[in-house]
PDB file of N, CA and C in Angstrom:
ATOM      1  N   UNK A   1     143.620 200.701 284.314  1.00  0.00           N
ATOM      2  CA  UNK A   1     143.855 199.526 283.480  1.00  0.00           C
ATOM      3  C   UNK A   1     144.313 198.342 284.336  1.00  0.00           C
ATOM      4  N   UNK A   2     145.088 198.640 285.364  1.00  0.00           N
ATOM      5  CA  UNK A   2     145.577 197.579 286.240  1.00  0.00           C
ATOM      6  C   UNK A   2     144.439 196.961 287.055  1.00  0.00           C
ATOM      7  N   UNK A   3     143.451 197.758 287.402  1.00  0.00           N
ATOM      8  CA  UNK A   3     142.311 197.256 288.183  1.00  0.00           C
ATOM      9  C   UNK A   3     141.510 196.255 287.359  1.00  0.00           C
ATOM     10  N   UNK A   4     141.412 196.502 286.061  1.00  0.00           N
ATOM     11  CA  UNK A   4     140.666 195.591 285.189  1.00  0.00           C
ATOM     12  C   UNK A   4     141.333 194.212 285.144  1.00  0.00           C
ATOM     13  N   UNK A   5     142.651 194.179 285.041  1.00  0.00           N
ATOM     14  CA  UNK A   5     143.373 192.903 285.039  1.00  0.00           C
ATOM     15  C   UNK A   5     143.245 192.171 286.361  1.00  0.00           C
ATOM     16  N   UNK A   6     143.289 192.946 287.454  1.00  0.00           N
ATOM     17  CA  UNK A   6     143.126 192.343 288.781  1.00  0.00           C
ATOM     18  C   UNK A   6     141.741 191.737 288.938  1.00  0.00           C
ATOM     19  N   UNK A   7     140.711 192.467 288.505  1.00  0.00           N
ATOM     20  CA  UNK A   7     139.348 191.945 288.582  1.00  0.00           C
ATOM     21  C   UNK A   7     139.177 190.700 287.726  1.00  0.00           C
ATOM     22  N   UNK A   8     139.766 190.705 286.566  1.00  0.00           N
ATOM     23  CA  UNK A   8     139.679 189.549 285.676  1.00  0.00           C
ATOM     24  C   UNK A   8     140.329 188.322 286.313  1.00  0.00           C
ATOM     25  N   UNK A   9     141.482 188.525 286.957  1.00  0.00           N
ATOM     26  CA  UNK A   9     142.145 187.404 287.627  1.00  0.00           C
ATOM     27  C   UNK A   9     141.321 186.904 288.809  1.00  0.00           C
ATOM     28  N   UNK A  10     140.727 187.822 289.562  1.00  0.00           N
ATOM     29  CA  UNK A  10     139.901 187.421 290.708  1.00  0.00           C
ATOM     30  C   UNK A  10     138.686 186.628 290.254  1.00  0.00           C
ATOM     31  N   UNK A  11     138.034 187.097 289.222  1.00  0.00           N
ATOM     32  CA  UNK A  11     136.865 186.393 288.696  1.00  0.00           C
ATOM     33  C   UNK A  11     137.259 185.020 288.162  1.00  0.00           C
ATOM     34  N   UNK A  12     138.409 184.931 287.511  1.00  0.00           N
ATOM     35  CA  UNK A  12     138.875 183.642 286.990  1.00  0.00           C
ATOM     36  C   UNK A  12     139.137 182.659 288.119  1.00  0.00           C
ATOM     37  N   UNK A  13     139.774 183.126 289.182  1.00  0.00           N
ATOM     38  CA  UNK A  13     140.061 182.252 290.318  1.00  0.00           C
ATOM     39  C   UNK A  13     138.764 181.799 290.975  1.00  0.00           C
ATOM     40  N   UNK A  14     137.822 182.693 291.130  1.00  0.00           N
ATOM     41  CA  UNK A  14     136.536 182.328 291.745  1.00  0.00           C
ATOM     42  C   UNK A  14     135.807 181.295 290.896  1.00  0.00           C
ATOM     43  N   UNK A  15     135.818 181.468 289.580  1.00  0.00           N
ATOM     44  CA  UNK A  15     135.150 180.494 288.699  1.00  0.00           C
ATOM     45  C   UNK A  15     135.814 179.129 288.770  1.00  0.00           C
ATOM     46  N   UNK A  16     137.139 179.105 288.813  1.00  0.00           N
ATOM     47  CA  UNK A  16     137.851 177.824 288.915  1.00  0.00           C
ATOM     48  C   UNK A  16     137.519 177.145 290.239  1.00  0.00           C
ATOM     49  N   UNK A  17     137.503 177.916 291.321  1.00  0.00           N
ATOM     50  CA  UNK A  17     137.176 177.327 292.619  1.00  0.00           C
ATOM     51  C   UNK A  17     135.746 176.800 292.659  1.00  0.00           C
ATOM     52  N   UNK A  18     134.833 177.509 292.033  1.00  0.00           N
ATOM     53  CA  UNK A  18     133.440 177.034 292.002  1.00  0.00           C
ATOM     54  C   UNK A  18     133.298 175.749 291.199  1.00  0.00           C
ATOM     55  N   UNK A  19     134.026 175.632 290.103  1.00  0.00           N
ATOM     56  CA  UNK A  19     133.920 174.402 289.308  1.00  0.00           C
ATOM     57  C   UNK A  19     134.585 173.226 290.011  1.00  0.00           C
ATOM     58  N   UNK A  20     135.628 173.483 290.781  1.00  0.00           N
ATOM     59  CA  UNK A  20     136.277 172.390 291.495  1.00  0.00           C
ATOM     60  C   UNK A  20     135.426 171.868 292.641  1.00  0.00           C
ATOM     61  N   UNK A  21     134.584 172.693 293.215  1.00  0.00           N
ATOM     62  CA  UNK A  21     133.728 172.218 294.297  1.00  0.00           C
ATOM     63  C   UNK A  21     132.610 171.329 293.784  1.00  0.00           C
ATOM     64  N   UNK A  22     132.338 171.355 292.480  1.00  0.00           N
ATOM     65  CA  UNK A  22     131.282 170.526 291.916  1.00  0.00           C
ATOM     66  C   UNK A  22     131.754 169.095 291.679  1.00  0.00           C
ATOM     67  N   UNK A  23     133.050 168.842 291.752  1.00  0.00           N
ATOM     68  CA  UNK A  23     133.580 167.496 291.542  1.00  0.00           C
ATOM     69  C   UNK A  23     133.408 166.677 292.823  1.00  0.00           C
ATOM     70  N   UNK A  24     132.682 165.585 292.696  1.00  0.00           N
ATOM     71  CA  UNK A  24     132.401 164.746 293.859  1.00  0.00           C
ATOM     72  C   UNK A  24     132.673 163.311 293.479  1.00  0.00           C
ATOM     73  N   UNK A  25     133.298 162.586 294.373  1.00  0.00           N
ATOM     74  CA  UNK A  25     133.480 161.160 294.146  1.00  0.00           C
ATOM     75  C   UNK A  25     132.318 160.414 294.789  1.00  0.00           C
ATOM     76  N   UNK A  26     131.771 159.477 294.048  1.00  0.00           N
ATOM     77  CA  UNK A  26     130.641 158.688 294.534  1.00  0.00           C
ATOM     78  C   UNK A  26     131.193 157.533 295.357  1.00  0.00           C
ATOM     79  N   UNK A  27     130.710 157.431 296.554  1.00  0.00           N
ATOM     80  CA  UNK A  27     131.149 156.355 297.452  1.00  0.00           C
ATOM     81  C   UNK A  27     130.532 155.029 297.002  1.00  0.00           C
ATOM     82  N   UNK A  28     131.193 153.903 297.322  1.00  0.00           N
ATOM     83  CA  UNK A  28     130.665 152.602 296.888  1.00  0.00           C
ATOM     84  C   UNK A  28     129.248 152.323 297.382  1.00  0.00           C
ATOM     85  N   UNK A  29     128.904 152.768 298.571  1.00  0.00           N
ATOM     86  CA  UNK A  29     127.558 152.503 299.086  1.00  0.00           C
ATOM     87  C   UNK A  29     126.509 153.422 298.466  1.00  0.00           C
ATOM     88  N   UNK A  30     126.928 154.474 297.764  1.00  0.00           N
ATOM     89  CA  UNK A  30     125.995 155.360 297.081  1.00  0.00           C
ATOM     90  C   UNK A  30     125.705 154.910 295.656  1.00  0.00           C
ATOM     91  N   UNK A  31     126.527 154.061 295.126  1.00  0.00           N
ATOM     92  CA  UNK A  31     126.355 153.629 293.730  1.00  0.00           C
ATOM     93  C   UNK A  31     125.079 152.823 293.540  1.00  0.00           C
ATOM     94  N   UNK A  32     124.653 152.135 294.545  1.00  0.00           N
ATOM     95  CA  UNK A  32     123.406 151.388 294.453  1.00  0.00           C
ATOM     96  C   UNK A  32     122.208 152.304 294.264  1.00  0.00           C
ATOM     97  N   UNK A  33     122.234 153.454 294.921  1.00  0.00           N
ATOM     98  CA  UNK A  33     121.139 154.417 294.764  1.00  0.00           C
ATOM     99  C   UNK A  33     121.115 154.991 293.355  1.00  0.00           C
ATOM    100  N   UNK A  34     122.284 155.232 292.788  1.00  0.00           N
ATOM    101  CA  UNK A  34     122.350 155.809 291.449  1.00  0.00           C
ATOM    102  C   UNK A  34     122.012 154.801 290.360  1.00  0.00           C
ATOM    103  N   UNK A  35     122.077 153.523 290.664  1.00  0.00           N
ATOM    104  CA  UNK A  35     121.799 152.493 289.668  1.00  0.00           C
ATOM    105  C   UNK A  35     120.340 152.054 289.662  1.00  0.00           C
ATOM    106  N   UNK A  36     119.503 152.676 290.496  1.00  0.00           N
ATOM    107  CA  UNK A  36     118.090 152.301 290.524  1.00  0.00           C
ATOM    108  C   UNK A  36     117.426 152.614 289.192  1.00  0.00           C
ATOM    109  N   UNK A  37     116.342 151.918 288.920  1.00  0.00           N
ATOM    110  CA  UNK A  37     115.619 152.075 287.649  1.00  0.00           C
ATOM    111  C   UNK A  37     115.052 153.480 287.492  1.00  0.00           C
ATOM    112  N   UNK A  38     114.557 154.066 288.567  1.00  0.00           N
ATOM    113  CA  UNK A  38     113.962 155.396 288.457  1.00  0.00           C
ATOM    114  C   UNK A  38     114.999 156.514 288.341  1.00  0.00           C
ATOM    115  N   UNK A  39     116.284 156.201 288.490  1.00  0.00           N
ATOM    116  CA  UNK A  39     117.336 157.216 288.360  1.00  0.00           C
ATOM    117  C   UNK A  39     117.918 157.273 286.946  1.00  0.00           C
ATOM    118  N   UNK A  40     117.461 156.406 286.055  1.00  0.00           N
ATOM    119  CA  UNK A  40     117.975 156.387 284.689  1.00  0.00           C
ATOM    120  C   UNK A  40     117.390 157.536 283.878  1.00  0.00           C
ATOM    121  N   UNK A  41     118.142 157.990 282.883  1.00  0.00           N
ATOM    122  CA  UNK A  41     117.668 159.064 282.006  1.00  0.00           C
ATOM    123  C   UNK A  41     116.487 158.586 281.182  1.00  0.00           C
ATOM    124  N   UNK A  42     116.606 157.419 280.615  1.00  0.00           N
ATOM    125  CA  UNK A  42     115.517 156.890 279.789  1.00  0.00           C
ATOM    126  C   UNK A  42     115.160 155.500 280.309  1.00  0.00           C
ATOM    127  N   UNK A  43     114.004 155.401 280.901  1.00  0.00           N
ATOM    128  CA  UNK A  43     113.579 154.125 281.461  1.00  0.00           C
ATOM    129  C   UNK A  43     112.974 153.214 280.401  1.00  0.00           C
ATOM    130  N   UNK A  44     112.442 153.789 279.323  1.00  0.00           N
ATOM    131  CA  UNK A  44     111.847 153.005 278.250  1.00  0.00           C
ATOM    132  C   UNK A  44     112.688 153.193 276.989  1.00  0.00           C
ATOM    133  N   UNK A  45     113.457 152.184 276.583  1.00  0.00           N
ATOM    134  CA  UNK A  45     114.339 152.350 275.423  1.00  0.00           C
ATOM    135  C   UNK A  45     113.570 152.604 274.123  1.00  0.00           C
ATOM    136  N   UNK A  46     112.380 152.012 273.987  1.00  0.00           N
ATOM    137  CA  UNK A  46     111.606 152.244 272.760  1.00  0.00           C
ATOM    138  C   UNK A  46     111.145 153.686 272.662  1.00  0.00           C
ATOM    139  N   UNK A  47     110.708 154.252 273.781  1.00  0.00           N
ATOM    140  CA  UNK A  47     110.265 155.635 273.794  1.00  0.00           C
ATOM    141  C   UNK A  47     111.421 156.586 273.520  1.00  0.00           C
ATOM    142  N   UNK A  48     112.598 156.278 274.042  1.00  0.00           N
ATOM    143  CA  UNK A  48     113.751 157.149 273.799  1.00  0.00           C
ATOM    144  C   UNK A  48     114.177 157.097 272.328  1.00  0.00           C
ATOM    145  N   UNK A  49     114.029 155.940 271.674  1.00  0.00           N
ATOM    146  CA  UNK A  49     114.348 155.842 270.246  1.00  0.00           C
ATOM    147  C   UNK A  49     113.386 156.696 269.432  1.00  0.00           C
ATOM    148  N   UNK A  50     112.094 156.649 269.781  1.00  0.00           N
ATOM    149  CA  UNK A  50     111.109 157.470 269.072  1.00  0.00           C
ATOM    150  C   UNK A  50     111.363 158.961 269.287  1.00  0.00           C
ATOM    151  N   UNK A  51     111.703 159.352 270.515  1.00  0.00           N
ATOM    152  CA  UNK A  51     111.999 160.756 270.793  1.00  0.00           C
ATOM    153  C   UNK A  51     113.229 161.228 270.032  1.00  0.00           C
ATOM    154  N   UNK A  52     114.246 160.382 269.974  1.00  0.00           N
ATOM    155  CA  UNK A  52     115.467 160.737 269.247  1.00  0.00           C
ATOM    156  C   UNK A  52     115.190 160.875 267.753  1.00  0.00           C
ATOM    157  N   UNK A  53     114.393 159.974 267.200  1.00  0.00           N
ATOM    158  CA  UNK A  53     114.047 160.049 265.786  1.00  0.00           C
ATOM    159  C   UNK A  53     113.238 161.314 265.502  1.00  0.00           C
ATOM    160  N   UNK A  54     112.325 161.651 266.382  1.00  0.00           N
ATOM    161  CA  UNK A  54     111.532 162.861 266.221  1.00  0.00           C
ATOM    162  C   UNK A  54     112.423 164.101 266.303  1.00  0.00           C
ATOM    163  N   UNK A  55     113.357 164.114 267.233  1.00  0.00           N
ATOM    164  CA  UNK A  55     114.262 165.253 267.384  1.00  0.00           C
ATOM    165  C   UNK A  55     115.134 165.421 266.136  1.00  0.00           C
ATOM    166  N   UNK A  56     115.664 164.309 265.625  1.00  0.00           N
ATOM    167  CA  UNK A  56     116.524 164.396 264.439  1.00  0.00           C
ATOM    168  C   UNK A  56     115.741 164.874 263.216  1.00  0.00           C
ATOM    169  N   UNK A  57     114.490 164.450 263.088  1.00  0.00           N
ATOM    170  CA  UNK A  57     113.711 164.847 261.921  1.00  0.00           C
ATOM    171  C   UNK A  57     113.339 166.331 262.002  1.00  0.00           C
ATOM    172  N   UNK A  58     113.075 166.848 263.192  1.00  0.00           N
ATOM    173  CA  UNK A  58     112.732 168.274 263.287  1.00  0.00           C
ATOM    174  C   UNK A  58     113.975 169.148 263.181  1.00  0.00           C
ATOM    175  N   UNK A  59     115.106 168.715 263.691  1.00  0.00           N
ATOM    176  CA  UNK A  59     116.328 169.508 263.593  1.00  0.00           C
ATOM    177  C   UNK A  59     116.926 169.462 262.203  1.00  0.00           C
ATOM    178  N   UNK A  60     116.634 168.425 261.446  1.00  0.00           N
ATOM    179  CA  UNK A  60     117.189 168.301 260.108  1.00  0.00           C
ATOM    180  C   UNK A  60     116.477 169.145 259.076  1.00  0.00           C
ATOM    181  N   UNK A  61     115.276 169.587 259.387  1.00  0.00           N
ATOM    182  CA  UNK A  61     114.506 170.345 258.386  1.00  0.00           C
ATOM    183  C   UNK A  61     114.798 171.826 258.426  1.00  0.00           C
TER     184      UNK A  61
END
């Protein structure tokens, strides 16, 4: 029973450490790259509105 608690604590610590390594601060000179037009989620606002409306109508039924 004690081994199970130890394993659970080890797995918890490993998961916390893995999530903390994913946190990255963006440097000021990198922000220009992230603000480019091709890096946006939706480059065409009209198309994204149509996709959202289509998604809401199919999920609502």
